[in-house]
N, C-alpha and C. Protein backbone atom coordinates (compact mmCIF):
# COMPACT_ATOMS: atom_id res chain seq x y z
N MET A 1 0.84 -1.19 0.00
CA MET A 1 0.00 0.00 0.00
C MET A 1 0.88 1.25 0.00
N PRO A 2 0.55 2.24 -0.83
CA PRO A 2 1.34 3.47 -0.83
C PRO A 2 1.25 4.17 0.52
N ASP A 3 2.25 4.99 0.81
CA ASP A 3 2.29 5.70 2.09
C ASP A 3 1.36 6.91 2.00
N LEU A 4 0.09 6.68 2.29
CA LEU A 4 -0.90 7.74 2.17
C LEU A 4 -0.69 8.82 3.23
N ARG A 5 -0.18 8.42 4.38
CA ARG A 5 0.08 9.40 5.45
C ARG A 5 1.16 10.39 5.01
N GLU A 6 2.23 9.87 4.42
CA GLU A 6 3.31 10.74 3.95
C GLU A 6 2.83 11.62 2.80
N ALA A 7 2.00 11.07 1.92
CA ALA A 7 1.46 11.85 0.81
C ALA A 7 0.60 13.01 1.33
N HIS A 8 -0.14 12.75 2.40
CA HIS A 8 -0.95 13.79 3.03
C HIS A 8 -0.05 14.91 3.56
N VAL A 9 1.05 14.55 4.22
CA VAL A 9 1.98 15.55 4.75
C VAL A 9 2.56 16.38 3.61
N THR A 10 2.99 15.71 2.55
CA THR A 10 3.60 16.40 1.41
C THR A 10 2.63 17.41 0.80
N LYS A 11 1.38 17.00 0.62
CA LYS A 11 0.38 17.88 0.01
C LYS A 11 0.11 19.10 0.88
N HIS A 12 -0.11 18.87 2.16
CA HIS A 12 -0.44 19.98 3.05
C HIS A 12 0.77 20.86 3.36
N ALA A 13 1.96 20.28 3.37
CA ALA A 13 3.16 21.07 3.60
C ALA A 13 3.38 22.05 2.46
N GLN A 14 3.18 21.59 1.23
CA GLN A 14 3.34 22.49 0.08
C GLN A 14 2.29 23.59 0.12
N ARG A 15 1.08 23.24 0.48
CA ARG A 15 0.01 24.23 0.58
C ARG A 15 0.34 25.27 1.65
N ALA A 16 0.86 24.80 2.77
CA ALA A 16 1.20 25.72 3.87
C ALA A 16 2.37 26.63 3.49
N ARG A 17 3.36 26.07 2.81
CA ARG A 17 4.49 26.90 2.36
C ARG A 17 4.01 28.00 1.42
N ASN A 18 3.09 27.66 0.54
CA ASN A 18 2.54 28.66 -0.37
C ASN A 18 1.78 29.75 0.40
N THR A 19 1.09 29.33 1.46
CA THR A 19 0.32 30.28 2.26
C THR A 19 1.22 31.35 2.88
N PHE A 20 2.40 30.94 3.34
CA PHE A 20 3.29 31.87 4.04
C PHE A 20 4.38 32.46 3.13
N ALA A 21 4.28 32.21 1.85
CA ALA A 21 5.35 32.62 0.93
C ALA A 21 5.61 34.12 0.98
N ASN A 22 4.55 34.93 1.14
CA ASN A 22 4.71 36.39 1.10
C ASN A 22 4.59 37.04 2.48
N HIS A 23 4.61 36.26 3.52
CA HIS A 23 4.57 36.82 4.87
C HIS A 23 5.92 37.45 5.23
N VAL A 24 5.86 38.50 6.01
CA VAL A 24 7.06 39.16 6.52
C VAL A 24 6.90 39.38 8.02
N ILE A 25 7.99 39.68 8.68
CA ILE A 25 7.93 39.99 10.11
C ILE A 25 7.45 41.43 10.27
N THR A 26 6.33 41.61 10.93
CA THR A 26 5.79 42.96 11.12
C THR A 26 5.97 43.48 12.55
N LYS A 27 6.08 42.55 13.51
CA LYS A 27 6.34 42.92 14.89
C LYS A 27 7.21 41.85 15.52
N GLU A 28 8.07 42.26 16.45
CA GLU A 28 8.89 41.27 17.14
C GLU A 28 9.44 41.83 18.44
N SER A 29 9.74 40.92 19.32
CA SER A 29 10.45 41.24 20.55
C SER A 29 11.52 40.17 20.71
N ASP A 30 12.04 40.02 21.89
CA ASP A 30 13.13 39.08 22.11
C ASP A 30 12.74 37.64 21.80
N ARG A 31 11.50 37.27 22.08
CA ARG A 31 11.06 35.88 21.91
C ARG A 31 9.74 35.76 21.15
N ARG A 32 9.32 36.84 20.52
CA ARG A 32 7.98 36.86 19.93
C ARG A 32 8.02 37.50 18.54
N TRP A 33 7.34 36.87 17.58
CA TRP A 33 7.32 37.37 16.21
C TRP A 33 5.90 37.31 15.65
N LEU A 34 5.55 38.31 14.86
CA LEU A 34 4.28 38.32 14.16
C LEU A 34 4.56 38.36 12.67
N LEU A 35 4.00 37.39 11.94
CA LEU A 35 4.16 37.31 10.49
C LEU A 35 2.85 37.67 9.81
N GLN A 36 2.93 38.57 8.85
CA GLN A 36 1.73 38.99 8.12
C GLN A 36 2.08 39.26 6.66
N GLN A 37 1.06 39.23 5.82
CA GLN A 37 1.20 39.71 4.46
C GLN A 37 0.97 41.22 4.47
N ILE A 38 1.52 41.90 3.50
CA ILE A 38 1.40 43.35 3.43
C ILE A 38 0.55 43.74 2.22
N HIS A 39 -0.47 44.57 2.46
CA HIS A 39 -1.30 45.07 1.37
C HIS A 39 -0.50 46.01 0.47
N ALA A 40 -1.04 46.28 -0.70
CA ALA A 40 -0.38 47.20 -1.64
C ALA A 40 -0.19 48.59 -1.05
N ASP A 41 -1.08 48.97 -0.11
CA ASP A 41 -0.97 50.29 0.51
C ASP A 41 0.01 50.31 1.68
N GLY A 42 0.68 49.16 1.90
CA GLY A 42 1.67 49.09 2.96
C GLY A 42 1.14 48.67 4.31
N LYS A 43 -0.16 48.47 4.42
CA LYS A 43 -0.75 48.07 5.70
C LYS A 43 -0.73 46.55 5.85
N PRO A 44 -0.46 46.07 7.06
CA PRO A 44 -0.42 44.62 7.28
C PRO A 44 -1.83 44.01 7.23
N ASP A 45 -1.89 42.79 6.71
CA ASP A 45 -3.15 42.05 6.60
C ASP A 45 -3.25 41.10 7.80
N TRP A 46 -4.32 41.25 8.58
CA TRP A 46 -4.48 40.40 9.75
C TRP A 46 -5.04 39.03 9.40
N THR A 47 -5.55 38.88 8.18
CA THR A 47 -6.02 37.56 7.74
C THR A 47 -4.81 36.65 7.54
N LEU A 48 -4.85 35.48 8.14
CA LEU A 48 -3.77 34.49 8.06
C LEU A 48 -2.49 34.95 8.76
N ALA A 49 -2.62 35.94 9.66
CA ALA A 49 -1.46 36.35 10.45
C ALA A 49 -1.02 35.21 11.37
N ALA A 50 0.28 35.09 11.55
CA ALA A 50 0.83 34.02 12.38
C ALA A 50 1.67 34.61 13.51
N GLU A 51 1.38 34.18 14.73
CA GLU A 51 2.14 34.62 15.89
C GLU A 51 2.95 33.44 16.40
N ILE A 52 4.23 33.67 16.62
CA ILE A 52 5.14 32.63 17.09
C ILE A 52 5.87 33.14 18.32
N ILE A 53 5.81 32.36 19.39
CA ILE A 53 6.41 32.78 20.66
C ILE A 53 7.27 31.65 21.20
N CYS A 54 8.49 31.97 21.58
CA CYS A 54 9.34 31.02 22.29
C CYS A 54 9.04 31.19 23.78
N LEU A 55 8.40 30.21 24.35
CA LEU A 55 7.94 30.29 25.73
C LEU A 55 9.09 30.04 26.71
N GLU A 56 8.86 30.40 27.96
CA GLU A 56 9.89 30.27 28.98
C GLU A 56 10.22 28.81 29.31
N ASN A 57 9.29 27.90 28.99
CA ASN A 57 9.52 26.49 29.34
C ASN A 57 10.15 25.69 28.20
N ASN A 58 10.85 26.40 27.29
CA ASN A 58 11.55 25.76 26.17
C ASN A 58 10.61 25.18 25.11
N ALA A 59 9.39 25.70 25.07
CA ALA A 59 8.44 25.28 24.04
C ALA A 59 8.24 26.43 23.04
N ILE A 60 7.61 26.12 21.92
CA ILE A 60 7.27 27.13 20.91
C ILE A 60 5.75 27.15 20.77
N TYR A 61 5.19 28.33 20.87
CA TYR A 61 3.74 28.51 20.66
C TYR A 61 3.52 29.08 19.26
N PHE A 62 2.54 28.53 18.56
CA PHE A 62 2.11 29.05 17.26
C PHE A 62 0.62 29.34 17.33
N GLY A 63 0.23 30.53 16.88
CA GLY A 63 -1.19 30.87 16.89
C GLY A 63 -1.46 32.03 15.95
N GLY A 64 -2.28 32.96 16.38
CA GLY A 64 -2.69 34.06 15.52
C GLY A 64 -4.02 33.72 14.89
N ASP A 65 -4.09 33.84 13.57
CA ASP A 65 -5.34 33.54 12.85
C ASP A 65 -5.40 32.06 12.48
N TRP A 66 -4.94 31.21 13.41
CA TRP A 66 -4.84 29.77 13.17
C TRP A 66 -5.15 29.01 14.45
N ASP A 67 -5.38 27.73 14.32
CA ASP A 67 -5.49 26.89 15.51
C ASP A 67 -4.14 26.88 16.23
N SER A 68 -4.18 26.99 17.54
CA SER A 68 -2.94 27.06 18.32
C SER A 68 -2.27 25.69 18.40
N ILE A 69 -0.95 25.71 18.30
CA ILE A 69 -0.13 24.50 18.43
C ILE A 69 1.07 24.85 19.31
N VAL A 70 1.49 23.92 20.15
CA VAL A 70 2.70 24.09 20.96
C VAL A 70 3.63 22.93 20.68
N PHE A 71 4.90 23.23 20.41
CA PHE A 71 5.93 22.21 20.23
C PHE A 71 6.82 22.22 21.47
N ALA A 72 7.06 21.06 22.06
CA ALA A 72 7.86 20.98 23.28
C ALA A 72 8.72 19.70 23.24
N TYR A 73 9.86 19.70 23.89
CA TYR A 73 10.59 20.83 24.46
C TYR A 73 11.91 20.90 23.74
N GLY A 74 12.36 22.11 23.38
CA GLY A 74 13.55 22.26 22.57
C GLY A 74 14.67 22.98 23.28
N PRO A 75 15.66 23.47 22.53
CA PRO A 75 16.79 24.18 23.11
C PRO A 75 16.35 25.44 23.87
N GLN A 76 17.15 25.86 24.80
CA GLN A 76 16.82 27.04 25.59
C GLN A 76 16.92 28.32 24.77
N ASP A 77 17.94 28.40 23.92
CA ASP A 77 18.12 29.59 23.09
C ASP A 77 16.97 29.72 22.10
N PRO A 78 16.30 30.88 22.03
CA PRO A 78 15.12 31.04 21.16
C PRO A 78 15.38 30.74 19.69
N ILE A 79 16.47 31.26 19.14
CA ILE A 79 16.74 31.03 17.72
C ILE A 79 17.04 29.56 17.46
N SER A 80 17.81 28.96 18.34
CA SER A 80 18.09 27.53 18.20
C SER A 80 16.81 26.72 18.27
N ARG A 81 15.90 27.19 19.08
CA ARG A 81 14.62 26.47 19.23
C ARG A 81 13.78 26.58 17.96
N LEU A 82 13.77 27.75 17.34
CA LEU A 82 13.06 27.91 16.08
C LEU A 82 13.64 26.99 15.02
N LEU A 83 14.95 26.93 14.95
CA LEU A 83 15.61 26.06 13.97
C LEU A 83 15.34 24.59 14.25
N TRP A 84 15.24 24.26 15.52
CA TRP A 84 14.96 22.88 15.95
C TRP A 84 13.70 22.33 15.28
N ILE A 85 12.66 23.16 15.21
CA ILE A 85 11.43 22.73 14.54
C ILE A 85 11.41 23.14 13.08
N GLY A 86 11.75 24.39 12.82
CA GLY A 86 11.62 24.93 11.46
C GLY A 86 12.49 24.26 10.43
N ARG A 87 13.63 23.72 10.85
CA ARG A 87 14.53 23.05 9.91
C ARG A 87 14.41 21.53 9.94
N CYS A 88 13.51 21.03 10.75
CA CYS A 88 13.28 19.59 10.80
C CYS A 88 12.42 19.17 9.61
N THR A 89 12.85 18.15 8.90
CA THR A 89 12.10 17.67 7.73
C THR A 89 11.21 16.48 8.04
N ASP A 90 11.33 15.92 9.23
CA ASP A 90 10.53 14.75 9.60
C ASP A 90 9.22 15.20 10.26
N ILE A 91 8.34 15.74 9.45
CA ILE A 91 7.07 16.25 9.96
C ILE A 91 6.18 15.11 10.42
N ASP A 92 6.19 14.03 9.65
CA ASP A 92 5.28 12.91 9.90
C ASP A 92 5.47 12.29 11.28
N TYR A 93 6.71 12.26 11.76
CA TYR A 93 6.95 11.65 13.06
C TYR A 93 7.48 12.64 14.09
N TYR A 94 8.68 13.18 13.86
CA TYR A 94 9.33 13.98 14.91
C TYR A 94 8.55 15.25 15.25
N VAL A 95 8.22 16.03 14.24
CA VAL A 95 7.48 17.27 14.48
C VAL A 95 6.12 16.97 15.11
N ALA A 96 5.45 15.95 14.59
CA ALA A 96 4.15 15.58 15.15
C ALA A 96 4.27 15.13 16.60
N GLN A 97 5.33 14.41 16.93
CA GLN A 97 5.53 13.96 18.31
C GLN A 97 5.78 15.14 19.24
N LYS A 98 6.54 16.13 18.79
CA LYS A 98 6.81 17.30 19.62
C LYS A 98 5.54 18.13 19.82
N ALA A 99 4.66 18.11 18.84
CA ALA A 99 3.36 18.76 19.02
C ALA A 99 2.51 17.99 20.02
N LYS A 100 2.58 16.67 19.97
CA LYS A 100 1.83 15.85 20.91
C LYS A 100 2.29 16.12 22.34
N VAL A 101 3.60 16.24 22.54
CA VAL A 101 4.13 16.58 23.87
C VAL A 101 3.65 17.96 24.29
N GLY A 102 3.69 18.89 23.34
CA GLY A 102 3.31 20.26 23.65
C GLY A 102 1.85 20.44 24.01
N ILE A 103 0.99 19.59 23.46
CA ILE A 103 -0.43 19.68 23.80
C ILE A 103 -0.80 18.63 24.85
N ARG A 104 0.24 18.26 25.61
CA ARG A 104 0.08 17.43 26.81
C ARG A 104 -0.58 16.09 26.55
N GLY A 105 -0.06 15.39 25.54
CA GLY A 105 -0.48 14.02 25.31
C GLY A 105 -1.68 13.85 24.41
N ALA A 106 -2.36 14.94 24.09
CA ALA A 106 -3.47 14.83 23.14
C ALA A 106 -2.91 14.44 21.77
N SER A 107 -3.69 13.81 20.96
CA SER A 107 -3.20 13.34 19.68
C SER A 107 -2.88 14.49 18.74
N SER A 108 -1.75 14.38 18.04
CA SER A 108 -1.41 15.36 17.01
C SER A 108 -1.90 14.88 15.65
N ASP A 109 -2.65 13.78 15.65
CA ASP A 109 -3.24 13.24 14.43
C ASP A 109 -4.73 13.56 14.35
N VAL A 110 -5.25 13.50 13.16
CA VAL A 110 -6.69 13.58 12.92
C VAL A 110 -7.05 12.47 11.95
N TRP A 111 -8.35 12.22 11.83
CA TRP A 111 -8.81 11.21 10.88
C TRP A 111 -9.33 11.92 9.64
N ASP A 112 -8.81 11.53 8.49
CA ASP A 112 -9.19 12.13 7.20
C ASP A 112 -9.97 11.09 6.39
N SER A 113 -11.23 11.37 6.13
CA SER A 113 -12.09 10.39 5.45
C SER A 113 -11.62 10.10 4.03
N ASP A 114 -11.09 11.11 3.34
CA ASP A 114 -10.63 10.91 1.97
C ASP A 114 -9.42 9.97 1.93
N VAL A 115 -8.51 10.16 2.87
CA VAL A 115 -7.33 9.29 2.95
C VAL A 115 -7.76 7.87 3.31
N ALA A 116 -8.71 7.76 4.24
CA ALA A 116 -9.21 6.44 4.64
C ALA A 116 -9.86 5.72 3.46
N THR A 117 -10.65 6.44 2.70
CA THR A 117 -11.32 5.84 1.54
C THR A 117 -10.32 5.38 0.50
N GLU A 118 -9.32 6.21 0.23
CA GLU A 118 -8.29 5.83 -0.74
C GLU A 118 -7.57 4.56 -0.30
N GLY A 119 -7.25 4.49 0.98
CA GLY A 119 -6.58 3.31 1.51
C GLY A 119 -7.45 2.07 1.46
N LEU A 120 -8.73 2.24 1.75
CA LEU A 120 -9.65 1.11 1.74
C LEU A 120 -9.81 0.54 0.33
N LYS A 121 -9.90 1.41 -0.66
CA LYS A 121 -10.02 0.95 -2.04
C LYS A 121 -8.76 0.19 -2.48
N PHE A 122 -7.62 0.66 -2.02
CA PHE A 122 -6.37 -0.03 -2.35
C PHE A 122 -6.33 -1.40 -1.67
N PHE A 123 -6.81 -1.45 -0.42
CA PHE A 123 -6.88 -2.73 0.30
C PHE A 123 -7.74 -3.73 -0.46
N LEU A 124 -8.89 -3.30 -0.95
CA LEU A 124 -9.77 -4.18 -1.72
C LEU A 124 -9.07 -4.67 -2.99
N GLU A 125 -8.39 -3.77 -3.69
CA GLU A 125 -7.69 -4.16 -4.91
C GLU A 125 -6.64 -5.23 -4.63
N GLU A 126 -5.93 -5.08 -3.53
CA GLU A 126 -4.90 -6.05 -3.18
C GLU A 126 -5.51 -7.41 -2.84
N GLN A 127 -6.65 -7.40 -2.17
CA GLN A 127 -7.31 -8.66 -1.84
C GLN A 127 -7.81 -9.37 -3.10
N VAL A 128 -8.33 -8.60 -4.04
CA VAL A 128 -8.80 -9.17 -5.31
C VAL A 128 -7.63 -9.80 -6.07
N LYS A 129 -6.49 -9.14 -6.06
CA LYS A 129 -5.30 -9.69 -6.72
C LYS A 129 -4.88 -11.01 -6.10
N ASP A 130 -5.16 -11.15 -4.79
CA ASP A 130 -4.80 -12.38 -4.08
C ASP A 130 -5.88 -13.46 -4.18
N GLY A 131 -6.92 -13.19 -5.00
CA GLY A 131 -7.95 -14.20 -5.23
C GLY A 131 -9.27 -13.98 -4.52
N TYR A 132 -9.40 -12.88 -3.82
CA TYR A 132 -10.65 -12.59 -3.11
C TYR A 132 -11.75 -12.28 -4.12
N ASP A 133 -12.90 -12.93 -3.97
CA ASP A 133 -14.00 -12.78 -4.92
C ASP A 133 -14.97 -11.71 -4.41
N LYS A 134 -14.83 -10.51 -4.91
CA LYS A 134 -15.70 -9.42 -4.45
C LYS A 134 -17.08 -9.46 -5.13
N ASP A 135 -17.24 -10.36 -6.10
CA ASP A 135 -18.54 -10.50 -6.75
C ASP A 135 -19.44 -11.49 -6.01
N ASP A 136 -18.87 -12.17 -5.03
CA ASP A 136 -19.64 -13.11 -4.21
C ASP A 136 -20.18 -12.35 -3.00
N SER A 137 -21.49 -12.16 -2.96
CA SER A 137 -22.10 -11.36 -1.90
C SER A 137 -21.94 -11.97 -0.52
N SER A 138 -21.61 -13.24 -0.46
CA SER A 138 -21.38 -13.86 0.85
C SER A 138 -19.99 -13.53 1.39
N LYS A 139 -19.13 -13.03 0.50
CA LYS A 139 -17.76 -12.69 0.90
C LYS A 139 -17.50 -11.18 0.93
N PHE A 140 -18.27 -10.45 0.13
CA PHE A 140 -18.06 -9.00 0.06
C PHE A 140 -19.40 -8.29 0.00
N ASP A 141 -19.59 -7.31 0.87
CA ASP A 141 -20.86 -6.57 0.93
C ASP A 141 -20.63 -5.16 0.39
N GLN A 142 -21.12 -4.93 -0.81
CA GLN A 142 -20.92 -3.65 -1.48
C GLN A 142 -21.57 -2.50 -0.72
N TYR A 143 -22.71 -2.77 -0.12
CA TYR A 143 -23.41 -1.70 0.61
C TYR A 143 -22.57 -1.18 1.76
N TRP A 144 -22.01 -2.08 2.57
CA TRP A 144 -21.23 -1.65 3.72
C TRP A 144 -19.89 -1.06 3.29
N PHE A 145 -19.36 -1.54 2.15
CA PHE A 145 -18.13 -0.95 1.63
C PHE A 145 -18.36 0.50 1.24
N GLU A 146 -19.45 0.75 0.52
CA GLU A 146 -19.77 2.13 0.12
C GLU A 146 -20.10 2.99 1.34
N SER A 147 -20.72 2.37 2.33
CA SER A 147 -21.01 3.10 3.57
C SER A 147 -19.72 3.53 4.26
N ALA A 148 -18.74 2.63 4.25
CA ALA A 148 -17.44 2.97 4.85
C ALA A 148 -16.78 4.11 4.08
N CYS A 149 -16.88 4.07 2.77
CA CYS A 149 -16.25 5.10 1.95
C CYS A 149 -16.90 6.47 2.12
N SER A 150 -18.13 6.50 2.58
CA SER A 150 -18.83 7.78 2.77
C SER A 150 -19.00 8.13 4.24
N ALA A 151 -18.39 7.36 5.12
CA ALA A 151 -18.54 7.61 6.56
C ALA A 151 -17.92 8.96 6.94
N GLU A 152 -18.59 9.65 7.84
CA GLU A 152 -18.11 10.95 8.30
C GLU A 152 -17.29 10.85 9.57
N TYR A 153 -17.44 9.76 10.29
CA TYR A 153 -16.73 9.62 11.57
C TYR A 153 -15.96 8.30 11.59
N GLN A 154 -14.84 8.31 12.29
CA GLN A 154 -13.95 7.16 12.28
C GLN A 154 -14.60 5.93 12.88
N HIS A 155 -15.36 6.07 13.96
CA HIS A 155 -15.96 4.89 14.59
C HIS A 155 -16.97 4.24 13.65
N GLU A 156 -17.67 5.06 12.85
CA GLU A 156 -18.59 4.49 11.86
C GLU A 156 -17.81 3.74 10.78
N TYR A 157 -16.75 4.38 10.34
CA TYR A 157 -15.91 3.79 9.29
C TYR A 157 -15.40 2.42 9.70
N VAL A 158 -14.87 2.31 10.91
CA VAL A 158 -14.34 1.03 11.39
C VAL A 158 -15.43 -0.03 11.43
N ASP A 159 -16.59 0.32 11.90
CA ASP A 159 -17.72 -0.61 11.97
C ASP A 159 -18.11 -1.09 10.58
N TYR A 160 -18.23 -0.16 9.64
CA TYR A 160 -18.67 -0.50 8.29
C TYR A 160 -17.63 -1.36 7.56
N VAL A 161 -16.37 -1.09 7.80
CA VAL A 161 -15.30 -1.86 7.15
C VAL A 161 -15.41 -3.34 7.53
N HIS A 162 -15.61 -3.61 8.79
CA HIS A 162 -15.70 -5.00 9.23
C HIS A 162 -16.96 -5.69 8.69
N ARG A 163 -18.00 -4.93 8.48
CA ARG A 163 -19.21 -5.50 7.88
C ARG A 163 -19.04 -5.76 6.38
N ALA A 164 -18.13 -5.04 5.74
CA ALA A 164 -17.98 -5.12 4.29
C ALA A 164 -17.24 -6.36 3.82
N PHE A 165 -16.48 -7.00 4.71
CA PHE A 165 -15.63 -8.11 4.29
C PHE A 165 -15.93 -9.40 5.08
N PRO A 166 -17.14 -9.94 4.95
CA PRO A 166 -17.47 -11.17 5.67
C PRO A 166 -16.65 -12.37 5.21
N GLY A 167 -16.08 -12.28 4.01
CA GLY A 167 -15.30 -13.40 3.49
C GLY A 167 -13.84 -13.38 3.91
N LEU A 168 -13.43 -12.36 4.67
CA LEU A 168 -12.05 -12.28 5.14
C LEU A 168 -12.03 -12.48 6.65
N ASP A 169 -10.97 -13.09 7.14
CA ASP A 169 -10.89 -13.26 8.59
C ASP A 169 -10.59 -11.91 9.25
N TYR A 170 -10.95 -11.83 10.51
CA TYR A 170 -10.88 -10.59 11.27
C TYR A 170 -9.47 -10.01 11.26
N ASP A 171 -8.47 -10.85 11.48
CA ASP A 171 -7.08 -10.36 11.56
C ASP A 171 -6.62 -9.75 10.25
N THR A 172 -7.03 -10.31 9.13
CA THR A 172 -6.65 -9.77 7.82
C THR A 172 -7.21 -8.38 7.63
N VAL A 173 -8.46 -8.20 8.01
CA VAL A 173 -9.10 -6.88 7.87
C VAL A 173 -8.43 -5.86 8.80
N VAL A 174 -8.17 -6.26 10.03
CA VAL A 174 -7.55 -5.34 10.99
C VAL A 174 -6.16 -4.95 10.51
N GLU A 175 -5.37 -5.94 10.11
CA GLU A 175 -4.00 -5.67 9.68
C GLU A 175 -3.97 -4.78 8.45
N GLY A 176 -4.92 -5.00 7.54
CA GLY A 176 -4.91 -4.25 6.28
C GLY A 176 -5.53 -2.87 6.36
N THR A 177 -6.37 -2.64 7.37
CA THR A 177 -7.08 -1.35 7.43
C THR A 177 -6.80 -0.57 8.70
N TYR A 178 -5.95 -1.10 9.58
CA TYR A 178 -5.69 -0.46 10.86
C TYR A 178 -5.11 0.93 10.66
N ASN A 179 -5.72 1.90 11.30
CA ASN A 179 -5.28 3.30 11.28
C ASN A 179 -5.38 3.97 9.92
N LEU A 180 -6.07 3.36 8.99
CA LEU A 180 -6.27 4.03 7.70
C LEU A 180 -6.98 5.36 7.93
N GLY A 181 -6.46 6.40 7.34
CA GLY A 181 -7.06 7.73 7.48
C GLY A 181 -6.49 8.56 8.59
N GLU A 182 -5.69 7.97 9.47
CA GLU A 182 -5.07 8.74 10.54
C GLU A 182 -3.83 9.45 10.00
N VAL A 183 -3.86 10.76 10.04
CA VAL A 183 -2.80 11.58 9.44
C VAL A 183 -2.40 12.70 10.40
N VAL A 184 -1.26 13.30 10.14
CA VAL A 184 -0.83 14.45 10.94
C VAL A 184 -1.83 15.59 10.73
N ALA A 185 -2.25 16.20 11.82
CA ALA A 185 -3.23 17.27 11.74
C ALA A 185 -2.70 18.41 10.87
N PRO A 186 -3.50 18.91 9.94
CA PRO A 186 -3.06 20.05 9.12
C PRO A 186 -2.59 21.24 9.95
N ALA A 187 -3.17 21.41 11.14
CA ALA A 187 -2.75 22.52 12.01
C ALA A 187 -1.29 22.39 12.40
N VAL A 188 -0.82 21.16 12.63
CA VAL A 188 0.59 20.92 12.96
C VAL A 188 1.48 21.24 11.76
N ILE A 189 1.06 20.82 10.59
CA ILE A 189 1.82 21.08 9.37
C ILE A 189 1.89 22.58 9.08
N THR A 190 0.79 23.27 9.30
CA THR A 190 0.75 24.72 9.10
C THR A 190 1.69 25.43 10.07
N ALA A 191 1.67 25.02 11.33
CA ALA A 191 2.55 25.63 12.33
C ALA A 191 4.01 25.43 11.96
N HIS A 192 4.35 24.24 11.52
CA HIS A 192 5.72 23.95 11.10
C HIS A 192 6.13 24.85 9.94
N ALA A 193 5.25 25.03 8.96
CA ALA A 193 5.56 25.85 7.80
C ALA A 193 5.78 27.31 8.20
N ALA A 194 5.00 27.80 9.14
CA ALA A 194 5.16 29.18 9.59
C ALA A 194 6.49 29.38 10.30
N ILE A 195 6.86 28.43 11.14
CA ILE A 195 8.14 28.52 11.84
C ILE A 195 9.30 28.41 10.85
N ALA A 196 9.15 27.56 9.85
CA ALA A 196 10.17 27.44 8.81
C ALA A 196 10.32 28.76 8.06
N LYS A 197 9.20 29.42 7.78
CA LYS A 197 9.24 30.72 7.10
C LYS A 197 9.94 31.75 7.98
N LEU A 198 9.66 31.75 9.26
CA LEU A 198 10.33 32.68 10.18
C LEU A 198 11.84 32.43 10.17
N CYS A 199 12.24 31.18 10.16
CA CYS A 199 13.67 30.85 10.09
C CYS A 199 14.29 31.44 8.82
N ASP A 200 13.57 31.34 7.70
CA ASP A 200 14.07 31.89 6.44
C ASP A 200 14.23 33.41 6.54
N LEU A 201 13.24 34.07 7.12
CA LEU A 201 13.28 35.53 7.24
C LEU A 201 14.42 35.99 8.14
N LEU A 202 14.64 35.27 9.22
CA LEU A 202 15.74 35.61 10.12
C LEU A 202 17.09 35.35 9.45
N LYS A 203 17.14 34.29 8.64
CA LYS A 203 18.36 33.96 7.91
C LYS A 203 18.73 35.08 6.94
N GLU A 204 17.72 35.69 6.32
CA GLU A 204 17.96 36.76 5.36
C GLU A 204 18.60 37.98 6.00
N ARG A 205 18.44 38.13 7.29
CA ARG A 205 19.02 39.28 8.00
C ARG A 205 20.51 39.11 8.29
N GLU A 206 20.98 37.88 8.22
CA GLU A 206 22.38 37.64 8.55
C GLU A 206 23.28 38.34 7.53
N PRO A 207 24.38 38.92 8.02
CA PRO A 207 25.29 39.62 7.10
C PRO A 207 25.87 38.66 6.07
N LYS A 208 25.91 39.12 4.85
CA LYS A 208 26.45 38.29 3.77
C LYS A 208 27.98 38.35 3.77
N ASN A 209 28.60 37.26 3.41
CA ASN A 209 30.05 37.24 3.30
C ASN A 209 30.49 38.14 2.15
N VAL A 210 31.44 38.98 2.41
CA VAL A 210 31.93 39.91 1.38
C VAL A 210 33.30 39.46 0.93
N ASP A 211 33.43 39.24 -0.36
CA ASP A 211 34.72 38.83 -0.92
C ASP A 211 35.57 40.08 -1.12
N LYS A 212 36.64 40.25 -0.33
CA LYS A 212 37.47 41.45 -0.38
C LYS A 212 38.72 41.25 -1.24
N THR A 213 38.78 40.14 -1.96
CA THR A 213 39.96 39.90 -2.78
C THR A 213 39.90 40.69 -4.07
């Protein structure tokens, strides 16, 4: 099965990078930065504004016009802490885990019905390749399969999936569909992209090497 979770991260990460492409630092203090887009008249746009704060407990807070996320716990130095998250490329695991710690054990994942449906269809295709007869109504229930594909909630989805495959043993269904649709929350990916953008903006301020030869 393709890595649908990683594909989800890639898609949302690119979208988030595009969102912050034109943001600039409009306000800052020792540990606090505000990123905004600037209107043609020079006024900052509060829509999609991002606030990033290096907290006293070695965590990073992200908020503003977004769902709040906290990453914990990183280096004591504020800039090093921004780089710790902003330059990390392992969003799927490391960044998500630091968000989970920051929100005190709550899940940094969400359930995405589209990802779950894509995975379920691939699971069915693989079973058919292995000889599973989906045209036999005693082995495959099209109604419950379609119900699973249109389910709005994860608990419904899990129930419908098990009803859809009466011809497969329980362990096969669990192993093949376990955690389908569970992905890194877009809010975590967005927070990471904003911090990465802040790192880029701070990098641009560094003095350039001058060749004096």
